[in-house]
Amino acid sequence: MSSFEVFREFYFEAAHALYDPEAPEGGKYRNLHGHSFRVRVTLRGEPSVEEQWVMDLGKLGRRLNELRERLDHSFLNDLEGLGKPTLENLCAYIWRDLAPDLPAIAEVGVFRDSCFEGCVYRGD
């Protein structure tokens, strides 16, 4: 059976510090530093008969904006439920935040384009 994937992206700026207790002096990333993050949320499914779309992308955008406002210009280490602010944990955090409202969620990607890095999470 075929299905469609639709996605929406948003950007946010945030800071974090990644202390590594096993590295000399806490490691290279121990000091406070920031990144520009790009997030892509992908939904998978069949278009509804009535609306003929997987989801109204305007509605998806409004939900993502709520999340973006919480993340933008934040100190990621202070986000309750995130844990160590790695790309992996950030993907899972975003998934957990959105999944109750987006049953068709298929993938969350978090990218640091200026570093040529990213992570993709495909669910629990």
PDB file of N, CA and C in Angstrom:
ATOM      1  N   MET A   1       0.847  -1.187   0.000  1.00  0.00           N
ATOM      2  CA  MET A   1       0.000   0.000   0.000  1.00  0.00           C
ATOM      3  C   MET A   1       0.888   1.244   0.000  1.00  0.00           C
ATOM      4  N   SER A   2       0.559   2.191  -0.824  1.00  0.00           N
ATOM      5  CA  SER A   2       1.337   3.422  -0.901  1.00  0.00           C
ATOM      6  C   SER A   2       0.922   4.387   0.198  1.00  0.00           C
ATOM      7  N   SER A   3       1.799   5.291   0.496  1.00  0.00           N
ATOM      8  CA  SER A   3       1.477   6.360   1.435  1.00  0.00           C
ATOM      9  C   SER A   3       2.267   7.595   1.031  1.00  0.00           C
ATOM     10  N   PHE A   4       1.851   8.709   1.574  1.00  0.00           N
ATOM     11  CA  PHE A   4       2.518   9.973   1.311  1.00  0.00           C
ATOM     12  C   PHE A   4       3.277  10.408   2.546  1.00  0.00           C
ATOM     13  N   GLU A   5       4.324  11.198   2.325  1.00  0.00           N
ATOM     14  CA  GLU A   5       5.030  11.850   3.409  1.00  0.00           C
ATOM     15  C   GLU A   5       5.001  13.346   3.148  1.00  0.00           C
ATOM     16  N   VAL A   6       4.581  14.099   4.141  1.00  0.00           N
ATOM     17  CA  VAL A   6       4.622  15.557   4.088  1.00  0.00           C
ATOM     18  C   VAL A   6       5.480  16.020   5.248  1.00  0.00           C
ATOM     19  N   PHE A   7       6.099  17.169   5.088  1.00  0.00           N
ATOM     20  CA  PHE A   7       6.946  17.657   6.167  1.00  0.00           C
ATOM     21  C   PHE A   7       6.861  19.163   6.274  1.00  0.00           C
ATOM     22  N   ARG A   8       7.299  19.618   7.415  1.00  0.00           N
ATOM     23  CA  ARG A   8       7.407  21.047   7.673  1.00  0.00           C
ATOM     24  C   ARG A   8       8.677  21.253   8.476  1.00  0.00           C
ATOM     25  N   GLU A   9       9.356  22.353   8.236  1.00  0.00           N
ATOM     26  CA  GLU A   9      10.591  22.650   8.931  1.00  0.00           C
ATOM     27  C   GLU A   9      10.484  23.963   9.691  1.00  0.00           C
ATOM     28  N   PHE A  10      11.331  24.080  10.710  1.00  0.00           N
ATOM     29  CA  PHE A  10      11.488  25.356  11.407  1.00  0.00           C
ATOM     30  C   PHE A  10      12.914  25.463  11.909  1.00  0.00           C
ATOM     31  N   TYR A  11      13.309  26.680  12.201  1.00  0.00           N
ATOM     32  CA  TYR A  11      14.641  26.968  12.717  1.00  0.00           C
ATOM     33  C   TYR A  11      14.530  27.515  14.124  1.00  0.00           C
ATOM     34  N   PHE A  12      15.574  27.276  14.910  1.00  0.00           N
ATOM     35  CA  PHE A  12      15.683  27.946  16.200  1.00  0.00           C
ATOM     36  C   PHE A  12      17.149  28.069  16.569  1.00  0.00           C
ATOM     37  N   GLU A  13      17.427  29.024  17.433  1.00  0.00           N
ATOM     38  CA  GLU A  13      18.767  29.260  17.954  1.00  0.00           C
ATOM     39  C   GLU A  13      18.751  28.869  19.423  1.00  0.00           C
ATOM     40  N   ALA A  14      19.794  28.164  19.859  1.00  0.00           N
ATOM     41  CA  ALA A  14      19.840  27.764  21.265  1.00  0.00           C
ATOM     42  C   ALA A  14      21.285  27.516  21.679  1.00  0.00           C
ATOM     43  N   ALA A  15      21.487  27.531  22.987  1.00  0.00           N
ATOM     44  CA  ALA A  15      22.806  27.278  23.563  1.00  0.00           C
ATOM     45  C   ALA A  15      22.771  25.990  24.369  1.00  0.00           C
ATOM     46  N   HIS A  16      23.949  25.410  24.543  1.00  0.00           N
ATOM     47  CA  HIS A  16      24.085  24.247  25.408  1.00  0.00           C
ATOM     48  C   HIS A  16      25.549  24.099  25.798  1.00  0.00           C
ATOM     49  N   ALA A  17      25.783  23.207  26.732  1.00  0.00           N
ATOM     50  CA  ALA A  17      27.137  22.824  27.134  1.00  0.00           C
ATOM     51  C   ALA A  17      27.126  21.312  27.305  1.00  0.00           C
ATOM     52  N   LEU A  18      28.137  20.661  26.794  1.00  0.00           N
ATOM     53  CA  LEU A  18      28.203  19.201  26.842  1.00  0.00           C
ATOM     54  C   LEU A  18      29.445  18.783  27.624  1.00  0.00           C
ATOM     55  N   TYR A  19      29.257  18.569  28.893  1.00  0.00           N
ATOM     56  CA  TYR A  19      30.353  18.175  29.773  1.00  0.00           C
ATOM     57  C   TYR A  19      30.582  16.673  29.656  1.00  0.00           C
ATOM     58  N   ASP A  20      31.824  16.289  29.453  1.00  0.00           N
ATOM     59  CA  ASP A  20      32.198  14.880  29.353  1.00  0.00           C
ATOM     60  C   ASP A  20      33.106  14.544  30.527  1.00  0.00           C
ATOM     61  N   PRO A  21      32.594  13.837  31.534  1.00  0.00           N
ATOM     62  CA  PRO A  21      33.405  13.564  32.721  1.00  0.00           C
ATOM     63  C   PRO A  21      34.630  12.694  32.450  1.00  0.00           C
ATOM     64  N   GLU A  22      34.655  11.992  31.327  1.00  0.00           N
ATOM     65  CA  GLU A  22      35.787  11.126  31.006  1.00  0.00           C
ATOM     66  C   GLU A  22      36.884  11.835  30.218  1.00  0.00           C
ATOM     67  N   ALA A  23      36.586  13.027  29.720  1.00  0.00           N
ATOM     68  CA  ALA A  23      37.566  13.769  28.923  1.00  0.00           C
ATOM     69  C   ALA A  23      38.361  14.724  29.812  1.00  0.00           C
ATOM     70  N   PRO A  24      39.593  15.017  29.425  1.00  0.00           N
ATOM     71  CA  PRO A  24      40.387  15.982  30.195  1.00  0.00           C
ATOM     72  C   PRO A  24      39.662  17.326  30.297  1.00  0.00           C
ATOM     73  N   GLU A  25      39.581  17.835  31.503  1.00  0.00           N
ATOM     74  CA  GLU A  25      38.944  19.133  31.784  1.00  0.00           C
ATOM     75  C   GLU A  25      37.512  19.214  31.288  1.00  0.00           C
ATOM     76  N   GLY A  26      36.821  18.106  31.173  1.00  0.00           N
ATOM     77  CA  GLY A  26      35.416  18.114  30.780  1.00  0.00           C
ATOM     78  C   GLY A  26      35.155  18.056  29.297  1.00  0.00           C
ATOM     79  N   GLY A  27      36.193  18.047  28.489  1.00  0.00           N
ATOM     80  CA  GLY A  27      36.016  17.889  27.052  1.00  0.00           C
ATOM     81  C   GLY A  27      35.933  19.182  26.270  1.00  0.00           C
ATOM     82  N   LYS A  28      35.997  19.029  24.985  1.00  0.00           N
ATOM     83  CA  LYS A  28      36.038  20.140  24.036  1.00  0.00           C
ATOM     84  C   LYS A  28      34.767  21.002  24.072  1.00  0.00           C
ATOM     85  N   TYR A  29      33.620  20.395  24.365  1.00  0.00           N
ATOM     86  CA  TYR A  29      32.338  21.109  24.260  1.00  0.00           C
ATOM     87  C   TYR A  29      31.774  21.515  25.615  1.00  0.00           C
ATOM     88  N   ARG A  30      32.614  21.539  26.654  1.00  0.00           N
ATOM     89  CA  ARG A  30      32.154  21.793  28.021  1.00  0.00           C
ATOM     90  C   ARG A  30      31.678  23.227  28.240  1.00  0.00           C
ATOM     91  N   ASN A  31      32.221  24.160  27.473  1.00  0.00           N
ATOM     92  CA  ASN A  31      31.847  25.559  27.653  1.00  0.00           C
ATOM     93  C   ASN A  31      30.527  25.870  26.947  1.00  0.00           C
ATOM     94  N   LEU A  32      29.838  26.850  27.472  1.00  0.00           N
ATOM     95  CA  LEU A  32      28.594  27.318  26.865  1.00  0.00           C
ATOM     96  C   LEU A  32      28.864  27.742  25.422  1.00  0.00           C
ATOM     97  N   HIS A  33      28.048  27.228  24.505  1.00  0.00           N
ATOM     98  CA  HIS A  33      28.138  27.611  23.097  1.00  0.00           C
ATOM     99  C   HIS A  33      26.768  27.427  22.454  1.00  0.00           C
ATOM    100  N   GLY A  34      26.588  27.998  21.285  1.00  0.00           N
ATOM    101  CA  GLY A  34      25.283  27.947  20.645  1.00  0.00           C
ATOM    102  C   GLY A  34      25.341  27.456  19.220  1.00  0.00           C
ATOM    103  N   HIS A  35      24.152  27.109  18.720  1.00  0.00           N
ATOM    104  CA  HIS A  35      24.003  26.627  17.352  1.00  0.00           C
ATOM    105  C   HIS A  35      22.710  27.175  16.753  1.00  0.00           C
ATOM    106  N   SER A  36      22.682  27.188  15.434  1.00  0.00           N
ATOM    107  CA  SER A  36      21.436  27.369  14.690  1.00  0.00           C
ATOM    108  C   SER A  36      20.958  25.964  14.344  1.00  0.00           C
ATOM    109  N   PHE A  37      19.744  25.637  14.742  1.00  0.00           N
ATOM    110  CA  PHE A  37      19.175  24.312  14.505  1.00  0.00           C
ATOM    111  C   PHE A  37      18.067  24.409  13.463  1.00  0.00           C
ATOM    112  N   ARG A  38      17.989  23.395  12.623  1.00  0.00           N
ATOM    113  CA  ARG A  38      16.869  23.239  11.686  1.00  0.00           C
ATOM    114  C   ARG A  38      16.185  21.927  12.054  1.00  0.00           C
ATOM    115  N   VAL A  39      14.873  21.982  12.184  1.00  0.00           N
ATOM    116  CA  VAL A  39      14.092  20.799  12.550  1.00  0.00           C
ATOM    117  C   VAL A  39      13.137  20.485  11.409  1.00  0.00           C
ATOM    118  N   ARG A  40      13.090  19.213  11.032  1.00  0.00           N
ATOM    119  CA  ARG A  40      12.121  18.751  10.030  1.00  0.00           C
ATOM    120  C   ARG A  40      11.248  17.692  10.682  1.00  0.00           C
ATOM    121  N   VAL A  41       9.928  17.913  10.626  1.00  0.00           N
ATOM    122  CA  VAL A  41       8.962  16.947  11.147  1.00  0.00           C
ATOM    123  C   VAL A  41       8.209  16.379   9.956  1.00  0.00           C
ATOM    124  N   THR A  42       8.255  15.055   9.817  1.00  0.00           N
ATOM    125  CA  THR A  42       7.633  14.363   8.692  1.00  0.00           C
ATOM    126  C   THR A  42       6.437  13.555   9.183  1.00  0.00           C
ATOM    127  N   LEU A  43       5.346  13.671   8.459  1.00  0.00           N
ATOM    128  CA  LEU A  43       4.134  12.884   8.723  1.00  0.00           C
ATOM    129  C   LEU A  43       3.939  11.917   7.564  1.00  0.00           C
ATOM    130  N   ARG A  44       3.424  10.730   7.866  1.00  0.00           N
ATOM    131  CA  ARG A  44       3.193   9.718   6.830  1.00  0.00           C
ATOM    132  C   ARG A  44       1.745   9.254   6.912  1.00  0.00           C
ATOM    133  N   GLY A  45       1.115   9.120   5.752  1.00  0.00           N
ATOM    134  CA  GLY A  45      -0.238   8.598   5.732  1.00  0.00           C
ATOM    135  C   GLY A  45      -0.894   8.768   4.387  1.00  0.00           C
ATOM    136  N   GLU A  46      -2.143   8.433   4.378  1.00  0.00           N
ATOM    137  CA  GLU A  46      -2.970   8.601   3.189  1.00  0.00           C
ATOM    138  C   GLU A  46      -3.778   9.885   3.319  1.00  0.00           C
ATOM    139  N   PRO A  47      -3.955  10.616   2.238  1.00  0.00           N
ATOM    140  CA  PRO A  47      -4.822  11.791   2.301  1.00  0.00           C
ATOM    141  C   PRO A  47      -6.244  11.384   2.686  1.00  0.00           C
ATOM    142  N   SER A  48      -6.864  12.199   3.517  1.00  0.00           N
ATOM    143  CA  SER A  48      -8.248  11.916   3.897  1.00  0.00           C
ATOM    144  C   SER A  48      -9.148  12.110   2.681  1.00  0.00           C
ATOM    145  N   VAL A  49     -10.275  11.428   2.692  1.00  0.00           N
ATOM    146  CA  VAL A  49     -11.232  11.534   1.585  1.00  0.00           C
ATOM    147  C   VAL A  49     -11.784  12.950   1.506  1.00  0.00           C
ATOM    148  N   GLU A  50     -12.105  13.522   2.671  1.00  0.00           N
ATOM    149  CA  GLU A  50     -12.720  14.865   2.695  1.00  0.00           C
ATOM    150  C   GLU A  50     -11.727  15.961   2.327  1.00  0.00           C
ATOM    151  N   GLU A  51     -10.606  15.999   3.011  1.00  0.00           N
ATOM    152  CA  GLU A  51      -9.652  17.093   2.854  1.00  0.00           C
ATOM    153  C   GLU A  51      -8.651  16.858   1.727  1.00  0.00           C
ATOM    154  N   GLN A  52      -8.386  15.609   1.412  1.00  0.00           N
ATOM    155  CA  GLN A  52      -7.441  15.193   0.386  1.00  0.00           C
ATOM    156  C   GLN A  52      -6.007  15.628   0.716  1.00  0.00           C
ATOM    157  N   TRP A  53      -5.687  15.592   2.010  1.00  0.00           N
ATOM    158  CA  TRP A  53      -4.320  15.806   2.465  1.00  0.00           C
ATOM    159  C   TRP A  53      -4.042  14.949   3.678  1.00  0.00           C
ATOM    160  N   VAL A  54      -2.763  14.685   3.932  1.00  0.00           N
ATOM    161  CA  VAL A  54      -2.382  13.917   5.114  1.00  0.00           C
ATOM    162  C   VAL A  54      -2.675  14.745   6.358  1.00  0.00           C
ATOM    163  N   MET A  55      -2.327  16.040   6.314  1.00  0.00           N
ATOM    164  CA  MET A  55      -2.652  16.982   7.384  1.00  0.00           C
ATOM    165  C   MET A  55      -2.571  18.381   6.808  1.00  0.00           C
ATOM    166  N   ASP A  56      -3.382  19.247   7.315  1.00  0.00           N
ATOM    167  CA  ASP A  56      -3.330  20.664   6.973  1.00  0.00           C
ATOM    168  C   ASP A  56      -1.968  21.196   7.429  1.00  0.00           C
ATOM    169  N   LEU A  57      -1.117  21.594   6.483  1.00  0.00           N
ATOM    170  CA  LEU A  57       0.224  22.054   6.840  1.00  0.00           C
ATOM    171  C   LEU A  57       0.201  23.365   7.614  1.00  0.00           C
ATOM    172  N   GLY A  58      -0.869  24.140   7.464  1.00  0.00           N
ATOM    173  CA  GLY A  58      -1.016  25.344   8.285  1.00  0.00           C
ATOM    174  C   GLY A  58      -1.226  24.982   9.747  1.00  0.00           C
ATOM    175  N   LYS A  59      -2.036  23.976  10.000  1.00  0.00           N
ATOM    176  CA  LYS A  59      -2.258  23.496  11.364  1.00  0.00           C
ATOM    177  C   LYS A  59      -0.970  22.912  11.948  1.00  0.00           C
ATOM    178  N   LEU A  60      -0.252  22.155  11.131  1.00  0.00           N
ATOM    179  CA  LEU A  60       1.029  21.615  11.566  1.00  0.00           C
ATOM    180  C   LEU A  60       1.988  22.752  11.903  1.00  0.00           C
ATOM    181  N   GLY A  61       2.023  23.765  11.073  1.00  0.00           N
ATOM    182  CA  GLY A  61       2.900  24.905  11.309  1.00  0.00           C
ATOM    183  C   GLY A  61       2.596  25.615  12.615  1.00  0.00           C
ATOM    184  N   ARG A  62       1.328  25.765  12.947  1.00  0.00           N
ATOM    185  CA  ARG A  62       0.954  26.412  14.217  1.00  0.00           C
ATOM    186  C   ARG A  62       1.432  25.586  15.404  1.00  0.00           C
ATOM    187  N   ARG A  63       1.310  24.260  15.312  1.00  0.00           N
ATOM    188  CA  ARG A  63       1.771  23.396  16.408  1.00  0.00           C
ATOM    189  C   ARG A  63       3.289  23.459  16.535  1.00  0.00           C
ATOM    190  N   LEU A  64       3.992  23.459  15.406  1.00  0.00           N
ATOM    191  CA  LEU A  64       5.447  23.535  15.443  1.00  0.00           C
ATOM    192  C   LEU A  64       5.919  24.881  15.964  1.00  0.00           C
ATOM    193  N   ASN A  65       5.168  25.934  15.686  1.00  0.00           N
ATOM    194  CA  ASN A  65       5.540  27.252  16.188  1.00  0.00           C
ATOM    195  C   ASN A  65       5.488  27.300  17.718  1.00  0.00           C
ATOM    196  N   GLU A  66       4.521  26.604  18.318  1.00  0.00           N
ATOM    197  CA  GLU A  66       4.464  26.530  19.781  1.00  0.00           C
ATOM    198  C   GLU A  66       5.751  25.916  20.325  1.00  0.00           C
ATOM    199  N   LEU A  67       6.201  24.852  19.703  1.00  0.00           N
ATOM    200  CA  LEU A  67       7.426  24.192  20.119  1.00  0.00           C
ATOM    201  C   LEU A  67       8.638  25.087  19.858  1.00  0.00           C
ATOM    202  N   ARG A  68       8.676  25.704  18.695  1.00  0.00           N
ATOM    203  CA  ARG A  68       9.791  26.586  18.347  1.00  0.00           C
ATOM    204  C   ARG A  68       9.941  27.712  19.365  1.00  0.00           C
ATOM    205  N   GLU A  69       8.828  28.295  19.788  1.00  0.00           N
ATOM    206  CA  GLU A  69       8.892  29.383  20.764  1.00  0.00           C
ATOM    207  C   GLU A  69       9.504  28.916  22.081  1.00  0.00           C
ATOM    208  N   ARG A  70       9.276  27.667  22.448  1.00  0.00           N
ATOM    209  CA  ARG A  70       9.849  27.120  23.674  1.00  0.00           C
ATOM    210  C   ARG A  70      11.355  26.873  23.524  1.00  0.00           C
ATOM    211  N   LEU A  71      11.779  26.459  22.331  1.00  0.00           N
ATOM    212  CA  LEU A  71      13.175  26.120  22.097  1.00  0.00           C
ATOM    213  C   LEU A  71      14.045  27.325  21.743  1.00  0.00           C
ATOM    214  N   ASP A  72      13.488  28.293  21.041  1.00  0.00           N
ATOM    215  CA  ASP A  72      14.273  29.395  20.497  1.00  0.00           C
ATOM    216  C   ASP A  72      14.890  30.244  21.603  1.00  0.00           C
ATOM    217  N   HIS A  73      16.179  30.501  21.487  1.00  0.00           N
ATOM    218  CA  HIS A  73      16.958  31.294  22.438  1.00  0.00           C
ATOM    219  C   HIS A  73      16.878  30.730  23.851  1.00  0.00           C
ATOM    220  N   SER A  74      16.857  29.409  23.936  1.00  0.00           N
ATOM    221  CA  SER A  74      16.845  28.746  25.239  1.00  0.00           C
ATOM    222  C   SER A  74      18.228  28.185  25.544  1.00  0.00           C
ATOM    223  N   PHE A  75      18.412  27.800  26.807  1.00  0.00           N
ATOM    224  CA  PHE A  75      19.588  27.042  27.231  1.00  0.00           C
ATOM    225  C   PHE A  75      19.115  25.606  27.331  1.00  0.00           C
ATOM    226  N   LEU A  76      19.493  24.780  26.367  1.00  0.00           N
ATOM    227  CA  LEU A  76      18.952  23.433  26.240  1.00  0.00           C
ATOM    228  C   LEU A  76      19.193  22.584  27.484  1.00  0.00           C
ATOM    229  N   ASN A  77      20.266  22.836  28.205  1.00  0.00           N
ATOM    230  CA  ASN A  77      20.547  22.075  29.425  1.00  0.00           C
ATOM    231  C   ASN A  77      19.448  22.240  30.465  1.00  0.00           C
ATOM    232  N   ASP A  78      18.686  23.320  30.382  1.00  0.00           N
ATOM    233  CA  ASP A  78      17.618  23.590  31.352  1.00  0.00           C
ATOM    234  C   ASP A  78      16.264  23.013  30.953  1.00  0.00           C
ATOM    235  N   LEU A  79      16.145  22.424  29.771  1.00  0.00           N
ATOM    236  CA  LEU A  79      14.852  21.892  29.324  1.00  0.00           C
ATOM    237  C   LEU A  79      14.523  20.607  30.084  1.00  0.00           C
ATOM    238  N   GLU A  80      13.447  20.652  30.838  1.00  0.00           N
ATOM    239  CA  GLU A  80      13.026  19.482  31.598  1.00  0.00           C
ATOM    240  C   GLU A  80      12.656  18.349  30.645  1.00  0.00           C
ATOM    241  N   GLY A  81      13.201  17.182  30.911  1.00  0.00           N
ATOM    242  CA  GLY A  81      12.886  16.007  30.106  1.00  0.00           C
ATOM    243  C   GLY A  81      13.811  15.787  28.927  1.00  0.00           C
ATOM    244  N   LEU A  82      14.735  16.711  28.669  1.00  0.00           N
ATOM    245  CA  LEU A  82      15.638  16.553  27.529  1.00  0.00           C
ATOM    246  C   LEU A  82      16.828  15.657  27.874  1.00  0.00           C
ATOM    247  N   GLY A  83      17.368  15.805  29.066  1.00  0.00           N
ATOM    248  CA  GLY A  83      18.604  15.099  29.405  1.00  0.00           C
ATOM    249  C   GLY A  83      19.782  15.843  28.824  1.00  0.00           C
ATOM    250  N   LYS A  84      20.876  15.135  28.597  1.00  0.00           N
ATOM    251  CA  LYS A  84      22.057  15.751  27.995  1.00  0.00           C
ATOM    252  C   LYS A  84      21.665  16.274  26.614  1.00  0.00           C
ATOM    253  N   PRO A  85      21.948  17.545  26.317  1.00  0.00           N
ATOM    254  CA  PRO A  85      21.426  18.158  25.094  1.00  0.00           C
ATOM    255  C   PRO A  85      22.185  17.765  23.826  1.00  0.00           C
ATOM    256  N   THR A  86      22.114  16.491  23.482  1.00  0.00           N
ATOM    257  CA  THR A  86      22.705  15.978  22.252  1.00  0.00           C
ATOM    258  C   THR A  86      21.678  16.039  21.124  1.00  0.00           C
ATOM    259  N   LEU A  87      22.132  15.884  19.897  1.00  0.00           N
ATOM    260  CA  LEU A  87      21.198  15.820  18.771  1.00  0.00           C
ATOM    261  C   LEU A  87      20.214  14.669  18.946  1.00  0.00           C
ATOM    262  N   GLU A  88      20.711  13.521  19.426  1.00  0.00           N
ATOM    263  CA  GLU A  88      19.858  12.348  19.601  1.00  0.00           C
ATOM    264  C   GLU A  88      18.738  12.632  20.611  1.00  0.00           C
ATOM    265  N   ASN A  89      19.115  13.201  21.754  1.00  0.00           N
ATOM    266  CA  ASN A  89      18.110  13.494  22.772  1.00  0.00           C
ATOM    267  C   ASN A  89      17.153  14.581  22.330  1.00  0.00           C
ATOM    268  N   LEU A  90      17.633  15.543  21.553  1.00  0.00           N
ATOM    269  CA  LEU A  90      16.767  16.599  21.047  1.00  0.00           C
ATOM    270  C   LEU A  90      15.724  16.027  20.078  1.00  0.00           C
ATOM    271  N   CYS A  91      16.129  15.115  19.206  1.00  0.00           N
ATOM    272  CA  CYS A  91      15.165  14.457  18.303  1.00  0.00           C
ATOM    273  C   CYS A  91      14.079  13.734  19.099  1.00  0.00           C
ATOM    274  N   ALA A  92      14.491  12.945  20.077  1.00  0.00           N
ATOM    275  CA  ALA A  92      13.527  12.174  20.870  1.00  0.00           C
ATOM    276  C   ALA A  92      12.624  13.098  21.690  1.00  0.00           C
ATOM    277  N   TYR A  93      13.168  14.183  22.211  1.00  0.00           N
ATOM    278  CA  TYR A  93      12.390  15.162  22.978  1.00  0.00           C
ATOM    279  C   TYR A  93      11.293  15.776  22.104  1.00  0.00           C
ATOM    280  N   ILE A  94      11.675  16.184  20.903  1.00  0.00           N
ATOM    281  CA  ILE A  94      10.706  16.785  19.981  1.00  0.00           C
ATOM    282  C   ILE A  94       9.642  15.762  19.612  1.00  0.00           C
ATOM    283  N   TRP A  95      10.040  14.527  19.354  1.00  0.00           N
ATOM    284  CA  TRP A  95       9.072  13.463  19.038  1.00  0.00           C
ATOM    285  C   TRP A  95       8.057  13.310  20.178  1.00  0.00           C
ATOM    286  N   ARG A  96       8.558  13.188  21.390  1.00  0.00           N
ATOM    287  CA  ARG A  96       7.661  12.993  22.544  1.00  0.00           C
ATOM    288  C   ARG A  96       6.717  14.172  22.723  1.00  0.00           C
ATOM    289  N   ASP A  97       7.196  15.369  22.446  1.00  0.00           N
ATOM    290  CA  ASP A  97       6.360  16.557  22.580  1.00  0.00           C
ATOM    291  C   ASP A  97       5.238  16.569  21.541  1.00  0.00           C
ATOM    292  N   LEU A  98       5.541  16.166  20.327  1.00  0.00           N
ATOM    293  CA  LEU A  98       4.580  16.272  19.222  1.00  0.00           C
ATOM    294  C   LEU A  98       3.671  15.063  19.057  1.00  0.00           C
ATOM    295  N   ALA A  99       4.143  13.884  19.413  1.00  0.00           N
ATOM    296  CA  ALA A  99       3.411  12.644  19.121  1.00  0.00           C
ATOM    297  C   ALA A  99       1.969  12.632  19.609  1.00  0.00           C
ATOM    298  N   PRO A 100       1.651  13.141  20.806  1.00  0.00           N
ATOM    299  CA  PRO A 100       0.240  13.110  21.227  1.00  0.00           C
ATOM    300  C   PRO A 100      -0.699  13.890  20.299  1.00  0.00           C
ATOM    301  N   ASP A 101      -0.179  14.937  19.649  1.00  0.00           N
ATOM    302  CA  ASP A 101      -1.007  15.761  18.755  1.00  0.00           C
ATOM    303  C   ASP A 101      -0.902  15.354  17.292  1.00  0.00           C
ATOM    304  N   LEU A 102       0.109  14.549  16.964  1.00  0.00           N
ATOM    305  CA  LEU A 102       0.372  14.195  15.567  1.00  0.00           C
ATOM    306  C   LEU A 102       0.497  12.682  15.418  1.00  0.00           C
ATOM    307  N   PRO A 103      -0.624  11.966  15.369  1.00  0.00           N
ATOM    308  CA  PRO A 103      -0.551  10.505  15.275  1.00  0.00           C
ATOM    309  C   PRO A 103       0.134  10.008  14.001  1.00  0.00           C
ATOM    310  N   ALA A 104       0.229  10.832  12.973  1.00  0.00           N
ATOM    311  CA  ALA A 104       0.870  10.417  11.719  1.00  0.00           C
ATOM    312  C   ALA A 104       2.371  10.720  11.697  1.00  0.00           C
ATOM    313  N   ILE A 105       2.930  11.148  12.831  1.00  0.00           N
ATOM    314  CA  ILE A 105       4.358  11.493  12.851  1.00  0.00           C
ATOM    315  C   ILE A 105       5.186  10.269  12.475  1.00  0.00           C
ATOM    316  N   ALA A 106       6.130  10.474  11.565  1.00  0.00           N
ATOM    317  CA  ALA A 106       6.956   9.373  11.065  1.00  0.00           C
ATOM    318  C   ALA A 106       8.440   9.605  11.330  1.00  0.00           C
ATOM    319  N   GLU A 107       8.838  10.880  11.441  1.00  0.00           N
ATOM    320  CA  GLU A 107      10.270  11.151  11.545  1.00  0.00           C
ATOM    321  C   GLU A 107      10.484  12.563  12.065  1.00  0.00           C
ATOM    322  N   VAL A 108      11.510  12.709  12.889  1.00  0.00           N
ATOM    323  CA  VAL A 108      11.972  14.023  13.334  1.00  0.00           C
ATOM    324  C   VAL A 108      13.454  14.103  13.013  1.00  0.00           C
ATOM    325  N   GLY A 109      13.837  15.131  12.299  1.00  0.00           N
ATOM    326  CA  GLY A 109      15.242  15.378  12.016  1.00  0.00           C
ATOM    327  C   GLY A 109      15.669  16.688  12.633  1.00  0.00           C
ATOM    328  N   VAL A 110      16.839  16.698  13.259  1.00  0.00           N
ATOM    329  CA  VAL A 110      17.417  17.914  13.809  1.00  0.00           C
ATOM    330  C   VAL A 110      18.784  18.077  13.168  1.00  0.00           C
ATOM    331  N   PHE A 111      19.025  19.247  12.585  1.00  0.00           N
ATOM    332  CA  PHE A 111      20.228  19.481  11.799  1.00  0.00           C
ATOM    333  C   PHE A 111      20.935  20.746  12.258  1.00  0.00           C
ATOM    334  N   ARG A 112      22.255  20.686  12.301  1.00  0.00           N
ATOM    335  CA  ARG A 112      23.099  21.856  12.506  1.00  0.00           C
ATOM    336  C   ARG A 112      23.827  22.055  11.185  1.00  0.00           C
ATOM    337  N   ASP A 113      23.176  22.770  10.279  1.00  0.00           N
ATOM    338  CA  ASP A 113      23.662  22.896   8.912  1.00  0.00           C
ATOM    339  C   ASP A 113      25.058  23.506   8.840  1.00  0.00           C
ATOM    340  N   SER A 114      25.360  24.465   9.700  1.00  0.00           N
ATOM    341  CA  SER A 114      26.673  25.107   9.646  1.00  0.00           C
ATOM    342  C   SER A 114      27.787  24.145  10.044  1.00  0.00           C
ATOM    343  N   CYS A 115      27.452  23.089  10.755  1.00  0.00           N
ATOM    344  CA  CYS A 115      28.433  22.068  11.167  1.00  0.00           C
ATOM    345  C   CYS A 115      28.377  20.837  10.269  1.00  0.00           C
ATOM    346  N   PHE A 116      27.420  20.817   9.323  1.00  0.00           N
ATOM    347  CA  PHE A 116      27.221  19.667   8.437  1.00  0.00           C
ATOM    348  C   PHE A 116      26.887  18.412   9.250  1.00  0.00           C
ATOM    349  N   GLU A 117      26.033  18.587  10.282  1.00  0.00           N
ATOM    350  CA  GLU A 117      25.667  17.498  11.180  1.00  0.00           C
ATOM    351  C   GLU A 117      24.155  17.415  11.314  1.00  0.00           C
ATOM    352  N   GLY A 118      23.695  16.251  11.698  1.00  0.00           N
ATOM    353  CA  GLY A 118      22.287  16.087  11.963  1.00  0.00           C
ATOM    354  C   GLY A 118      21.984  14.730  12.532  1.00  0.00           C
ATOM    355  N   CYS A 119      20.728  14.555  12.905  1.00  0.00           N
ATOM    356  CA  CYS A 119      20.257  13.298  13.466  1.00  0.00           C
ATOM    357  C   CYS A 119      18.804  13.132  13.036  1.00  0.00           C
ATOM    358  N   VAL A 120      18.414  11.902  12.753  1.00  0.00           N
ATOM    359  CA  VAL A 120      17.032  11.586  12.392  1.00  0.00           C
ATOM    360  C   VAL A 120      16.529  10.508  13.331  1.00  0.00           C
ATOM    361  N   TYR A 121      15.311  10.725  13.841  1.00  0.00           N
ATOM    362  CA  TYR A 121      14.680   9.763  14.759  1.00  0.00           C
ATOM    363  C   TYR A 121      13.363   9.319  14.134  1.00  0.00           C
ATOM    364  N   ARG A 122      13.114   8.015  14.168  1.00  0.00           N
ATOM    365  CA  ARG A 122      11.911   7.463  13.532  1.00  0.00           C
ATOM    366  C   ARG A 122      10.980   6.792  14.525  1.00  0.00           C
ATOM    367  N   GLY A 123      11.009   7.217  15.743  1.00  0.00           N
ATOM    368  CA  GLY A 123       9.975   6.790  16.680  1.00  0.00           C
ATOM    369  C   GLY A 123      10.358   5.762  17.699  1.00  0.00           C
ATOM    370  N   ASP A 124       9.453   5.654  18.653  1.00  0.00           N
ATOM    371  CA  ASP A 124       9.638   4.753  19.783  1.00  0.00           C
ATOM    372  C   ASP A 124       9.437   3.307  19.367  1.00  0.00           C
TER     373      ASP A 124
END
